[in-house]
Protein backbone atom coordinates (compact mmCIF):
# COMPACT_ATOMS: atom_id res chain seq x y z
CA MET A 1 71.71 -90.47 20.61
CA LYS A 2 74.20 -90.26 17.77
CA ASP A 3 76.25 -93.13 19.26
CA GLU A 4 73.12 -95.26 19.55
CA LEU A 5 72.24 -94.49 15.95
CA LYS A 6 75.71 -95.43 14.81
CA SER A 7 75.66 -98.68 16.74
CA ARG A 8 72.30 -99.57 15.14
CA LEU A 9 73.59 -98.74 11.71
CA GLY A 10 76.80 -100.69 12.37
CA ARG A 11 74.84 -103.73 13.41
CA GLY A 12 72.61 -103.50 10.42
CA THR A 13 75.57 -103.59 8.02
CA THR A 14 77.35 -106.55 9.48
CA GLY A 15 77.34 -109.50 7.20
CA ALA A 16 77.61 -109.75 3.44
CA SER A 17 73.88 -110.28 2.82
CA ALA A 18 72.65 -107.52 5.09
CA ARG A 19 70.66 -104.60 3.44
CA PRO A 20 69.81 -101.20 4.82
CA ARG A 21 66.24 -100.92 6.16
CA VAL A 22 64.16 -97.89 5.35
CA TYR A 23 63.07 -96.12 8.44
CA LYS A 24 59.44 -95.13 8.62
CA PHE A 25 58.80 -91.98 10.53
CA PRO A 26 55.66 -92.01 12.61
CA PRO A 27 52.92 -89.64 11.36
CA LEU A 28 52.65 -86.29 12.95
CA ARG A 29 48.93 -87.00 13.66
CA LYS A 30 46.86 -90.10 13.54
CA ASN A 31 44.83 -90.63 10.39
CA THR A 32 41.32 -91.58 11.18
CA LEU A 33 39.74 -91.26 7.73
CA GLN A 34 40.54 -93.25 4.65
CA ASP A 35 40.14 -92.30 1.07
CA ASP A 36 38.21 -94.28 -1.52
CA THR A 37 41.28 -96.50 -2.23
CA GLY A 38 41.51 -97.55 1.34
CA GLY A 39 44.26 -95.10 2.29
CA HIS A 40 44.02 -92.38 4.86
CA ASN A 41 43.23 -88.80 3.68
CA GLY A 42 42.37 -87.16 7.00
CA PHE A 43 38.50 -87.43 6.58
CA ALA A 44 36.01 -90.14 7.47
CA PRO A 45 34.31 -91.88 4.54
CA VAL A 46 30.98 -90.16 3.60
CA ASP A 47 27.86 -91.96 2.32
CA GLY A 48 26.25 -90.20 -0.72
CA ALA A 49 22.68 -90.95 0.38
CA ILE A 50 23.34 -89.58 3.83
CA LEU A 51 24.90 -86.46 2.33
CA GLN A 52 21.91 -86.02 -0.01
CA GLN A 53 19.52 -86.47 2.88
CA GLN A 54 21.45 -83.96 4.96
CA LEU A 55 21.38 -81.48 2.09
CA ALA A 56 17.65 -82.03 1.63
CA ASP A 57 17.05 -81.62 5.35
CA GLY A 58 19.09 -78.46 5.44
CA PHE A 59 17.28 -77.09 2.38
CA GLN A 60 13.90 -77.94 3.88
CA GLU A 61 14.88 -76.40 7.18
CA GLY A 62 16.02 -73.25 5.40
CA MET A 63 12.80 -73.15 3.45
CA ASN A 64 10.76 -73.61 6.62
CA ARG A 65 12.66 -70.90 8.41
CA GLY A 66 12.38 -68.59 5.41
CA PHE A 67 8.65 -69.34 5.08
CA GLU A 68 8.04 -68.69 8.76
CA GLN A 69 10.04 -65.49 8.63
CA GLY A 70 8.30 -64.33 5.45
CA LEU A 71 4.95 -65.34 6.87
CA GLU A 72 5.60 -63.41 10.04
CA GLU A 73 6.79 -60.34 8.15
CA GLY A 74 3.88 -60.63 5.69
CA ARG A 75 1.44 -61.01 8.55
CA GLY A 76 2.80 -57.86 10.16
CA GLU A 77 2.69 -55.86 6.92
CA GLY A 78 -0.75 -57.26 6.06
CA TYR A 79 -2.00 -56.35 9.50
CA GLN A 80 -0.77 -52.78 9.14
CA GLU A 81 -2.24 -52.51 5.64
CA GLY A 82 -5.49 -54.04 6.83
CA VAL A 83 -5.65 -51.59 9.71
CA ARG A 84 -5.09 -48.68 7.33
CA LEU A 85 -7.64 -49.89 4.77
CA GLY A 86 -10.11 -50.75 7.49
CA PHE A 87 -9.73 -47.32 9.04
CA ASP A 88 -10.22 -45.57 5.67
CA GLU A 89 -13.21 -47.73 4.80
CA GLY A 90 -14.72 -47.27 8.26
CA LEU A 91 -14.20 -43.53 8.04
CA ARG A 92 -15.87 -43.40 4.62
CA LYS A 93 -18.83 -45.56 5.67
CA GLY A 94 -19.16 -43.66 8.93
CA HIS A 95 -19.22 -40.38 7.03
CA GLU A 96 -21.90 -41.62 4.63
CA GLU A 97 -24.01 -43.18 7.36
CA GLY A 98 -23.63 -40.03 9.43
CA LYS A 99 -24.84 -37.90 6.54
CA VAL A 100 -27.87 -40.14 6.00
CA ALA A 101 -28.66 -40.29 9.70
CA GLY A 102 -28.19 -36.54 10.06
CA ARG A 103 -30.45 -35.86 7.09
CA GLU A 104 -33.14 -38.10 8.55
CA LEU A 105 -32.86 -36.42 11.93
CA PHE A 106 -33.02 -33.01 10.29
CA VAL A 107 -36.11 -33.95 8.27
CA GLU A 108 -37.75 -35.39 11.36
CA ALA A 109 -36.89 -32.35 13.45
CA ALA A 110 -37.97 -29.93 10.70
CA ALA A 111 -41.33 -31.63 10.09
CA PRO A 112 -43.20 -29.54 12.71
CA LEU A 113 -41.54 -26.40 11.38
CA ASP A 114 -42.59 -27.27 7.84
CA THR A 115 -46.17 -27.68 9.02
CA VAL A 116 -46.07 -24.30 10.75
CA ALA A 117 -44.46 -22.72 7.67
CA ARG A 118 -47.20 -24.09 5.42
CA GLN A 119 -49.89 -22.85 7.78
CA VAL A 120 -48.30 -19.39 7.91
CA ASN A 121 -47.94 -19.34 4.14
CA ASP A 122 -51.58 -20.36 3.67
CA TRP A 123 -52.66 -17.69 6.13
CA LEU A 124 -50.58 -15.03 4.38
CA THR A 125 -51.97 -16.11 0.99
CA ALA A 126 -55.55 -15.93 2.27
CA TYR A 127 -54.83 -12.60 3.94
CA GLU A 128 -53.39 -11.17 0.72
CA GLN A 129 -56.41 -12.46 -1.20
CA ARG A 130 -58.82 -10.82 1.26
CA ARG A 131 -56.85 -7.60 1.21
CA ARG A 132 -57.02 -7.39 -2.57
CA GLU A 133 -60.72 -8.23 -2.61
CA GLU A 134 -61.37 -5.52 -0.04
CA LEU A 135 -59.29 -3.10 -2.11
CA VAL A 136 -61.37 -3.84 -5.22
CA GLN A 137 -64.59 -3.39 -3.24
CA LEU A 138 -63.32 -0.13 -1.81
CA VAL A 139 -62.35 1.20 -5.25
CA GLU A 140 -65.76 0.24 -6.61
CA LYS A 141 -67.58 1.85 -3.70
CA VAL A 142 -65.57 5.06 -3.89
CA SER A 143 -66.00 5.20 -7.66
CA ARG A 144 -69.77 4.91 -7.31
CA GLN A 145 -69.79 7.72 -4.78
CA VAL A 146 -67.66 9.92 -7.01
CA ILE A 147 -69.84 9.23 -10.05
CA ARG A 148 -73.02 9.95 -8.13
CA CYS A 149 -71.58 13.19 -6.77
CA GLU A 150 -70.27 14.26 -10.18
CA LEU A 151 -73.58 13.57 -11.91
CA THR A 152 -75.39 15.48 -9.20
CA LEU A 153 -73.22 18.51 -9.78
CA HIS A 154 -72.85 18.14 -13.55
CA PRO A 155 -75.65 15.97 -14.99
CA THR A 156 -74.86 17.06 -18.55
CA GLN A 157 -71.74 14.85 -18.47
CA LEU A 158 -74.06 12.04 -19.54
CA LEU A 159 -74.37 13.82 -22.85
CA THR A 160 -70.63 13.43 -23.31
CA LEU A 161 -71.07 9.65 -23.04
CA VAL A 162 -73.83 9.85 -25.66
CA GLU A 163 -71.58 11.81 -28.01
CA GLU A 164 -68.82 9.17 -27.67
CA ALA A 165 -71.30 6.42 -28.48
CA LEU A 166 -72.65 8.26 -31.55
CA SER A 167 -69.14 9.00 -32.82
CA SER A 168 -68.36 5.27 -32.85
CA LEU A 169 -71.20 4.63 -35.33
CA PRO A 170 -70.45 4.57 -39.09
CA LYS A 171 -72.97 7.38 -39.71
CA MET A 172 -75.43 9.47 -37.80
CA PRO A 173 -78.66 7.51 -37.25
CA GLN A 174 -81.91 8.81 -38.68
CA GLU A 175 -83.89 7.85 -35.59
CA LEU A 176 -82.35 8.44 -32.16
CA LYS A 177 -83.68 7.98 -28.67
CA VAL A 178 -81.76 8.44 -25.38
CA CYS A 179 -83.29 7.04 -22.18
CA LEU A 180 -82.27 8.49 -18.81
CA ASN A 181 -83.24 8.36 -15.17
CA SER A 182 -86.24 10.58 -14.49
CA GLU A 183 -84.39 13.02 -12.23
CA GLU A 184 -81.40 13.27 -14.56
CA PHE A 185 -83.73 13.76 -17.56
CA ARG A 186 -85.38 16.69 -15.79
CA ARG A 187 -82.14 18.35 -14.89
CA ILE A 188 -80.52 17.85 -18.33
CA SER A 189 -83.64 19.11 -20.08
CA GLU A 190 -83.43 22.25 -18.01
CA ALA A 191 -79.68 22.68 -18.66
CA GLU A 192 -79.63 21.67 -22.37
CA PRO A 193 -83.16 21.96 -23.81
CA GLU A 194 -82.05 22.07 -27.44
CA ARG A 195 -79.94 18.94 -27.29
CA ALA A 196 -82.66 17.24 -25.29
CA ARG A 197 -85.09 17.81 -28.17
CA GLU A 198 -82.46 17.01 -30.87
CA TRP A 199 -81.43 13.67 -29.35
CA GLY A 200 -84.86 12.66 -28.26
CA LEU A 201 -84.16 12.45 -24.54
CA CYS A 202 -86.80 10.56 -22.58
CA ALA A 203 -87.30 9.59 -18.95
CA ASP A 204 -87.35 5.98 -17.72
CA ALA A 205 -88.41 5.56 -14.10
CA GLN A 206 -86.94 2.06 -13.93
CA MET A 207 -83.39 3.23 -14.74
CA ASN A 208 -80.95 3.95 -11.92
CA PRO A 209 -79.12 7.27 -11.64
CA GLY A 210 -76.15 7.40 -14.00
CA GLU A 211 -77.68 4.96 -16.47
CA CYS A 212 -78.08 5.88 -20.10
CA ARG A 213 -79.28 3.86 -23.09
CA VAL A 214 -78.93 4.97 -26.73
CA ILE A 215 -81.49 3.46 -29.12
CA THR A 216 -81.30 3.81 -32.91
CA GLU A 217 -83.16 2.18 -35.78
CA THR A 218 -80.47 -0.51 -36.01
CA SER A 219 -78.92 -0.89 -32.54
CA GLU A 220 -79.18 -0.28 -28.82
CA MET A 221 -76.17 0.75 -26.71
CA ASP A 222 -75.73 0.92 -22.96
CA VAL A 223 -73.47 3.89 -22.33
CA GLY A 224 -74.33 4.44 -18.67
CA CYS A 225 -71.86 4.88 -15.84
CA GLN A 226 -72.69 1.50 -14.31
CA HIS A 227 -71.61 -0.37 -17.41
CA ARG A 228 -68.34 1.56 -17.63
CA LEU A 229 -67.71 1.11 -13.95
CA GLU A 230 -68.17 -2.64 -14.26
CA GLN A 231 -65.63 -2.74 -17.10
CA CYS A 232 -63.11 -0.85 -14.98
CA VAL A 233 -63.72 -3.10 -11.97
CA ASP A 234 -63.30 -6.22 -14.12
CA ALA A 235 -59.97 -4.92 -15.40
CA LEU A 236 -58.90 -4.18 -11.82
CA LYS A 237 -59.88 -7.69 -10.70
CA GLU A 238 -57.88 -9.24 -13.53
CA SER A 239 -54.86 -7.34 -12.29
CA LEU A 240 -55.29 -7.85 -8.54
CA LEU A 241 -57.25 -11.11 -8.37
CA PRO A 242 -55.96 -13.39 -11.14
CA GLU A 243 -56.70 -16.56 -9.12
CA SER A 244 -60.36 -15.66 -8.62
CA GLN A 245 -60.68 -14.85 -12.33
CA ASP A 246 -59.26 -18.31 -13.23
CA ALA A 247 -61.62 -20.02 -10.81
């Protein structure tokens, strides 16, 4: 190869006007792209509009993919949040509706019991009223029997009632008359003849046993046992039978 190179160089230098020729080495690789000046720079010429369109397409594609991915993730998160909120709201509404429905069922189921309770309460109230009325009647009846028995054994106790009535007056009356039952007048006159004459005791056949009326020149007082008994019974009724007293 060296001899061939020398022979080529020797032939190139023969003659006075001969000049050396610059050898151009072949490129290591073939240039396929040219630069803007028309030379080769290793890249194909690129159109600006195409590049802009490619960039726009890539941007749009990225946006679409990002939107789809975000939408999918948002849909999943929204679904989970919606499920949670829906469950809480359903639980709350179910609890409230269950309370209302349970209250209505309870009221409906308790209605017959309320009716029975009212009937029992009314019956107990009426029973208590009758019991108190019977108690008042019994007390009155027993009191009458006791008074009758006491006056039979001690008729002069009527004089004690007369003394109480006279002591309530401002002064001793000038004229005094005490009316009694005929039987009691007879017995008191026999037991206390002096007081019978002093107080002017007299018999009244129309008066019941235990009755006594004090008559003066200015007033007339009923001091008999019946009147006192009625006052005691009225006080007892006010205590035991307030509803009947209001009626």
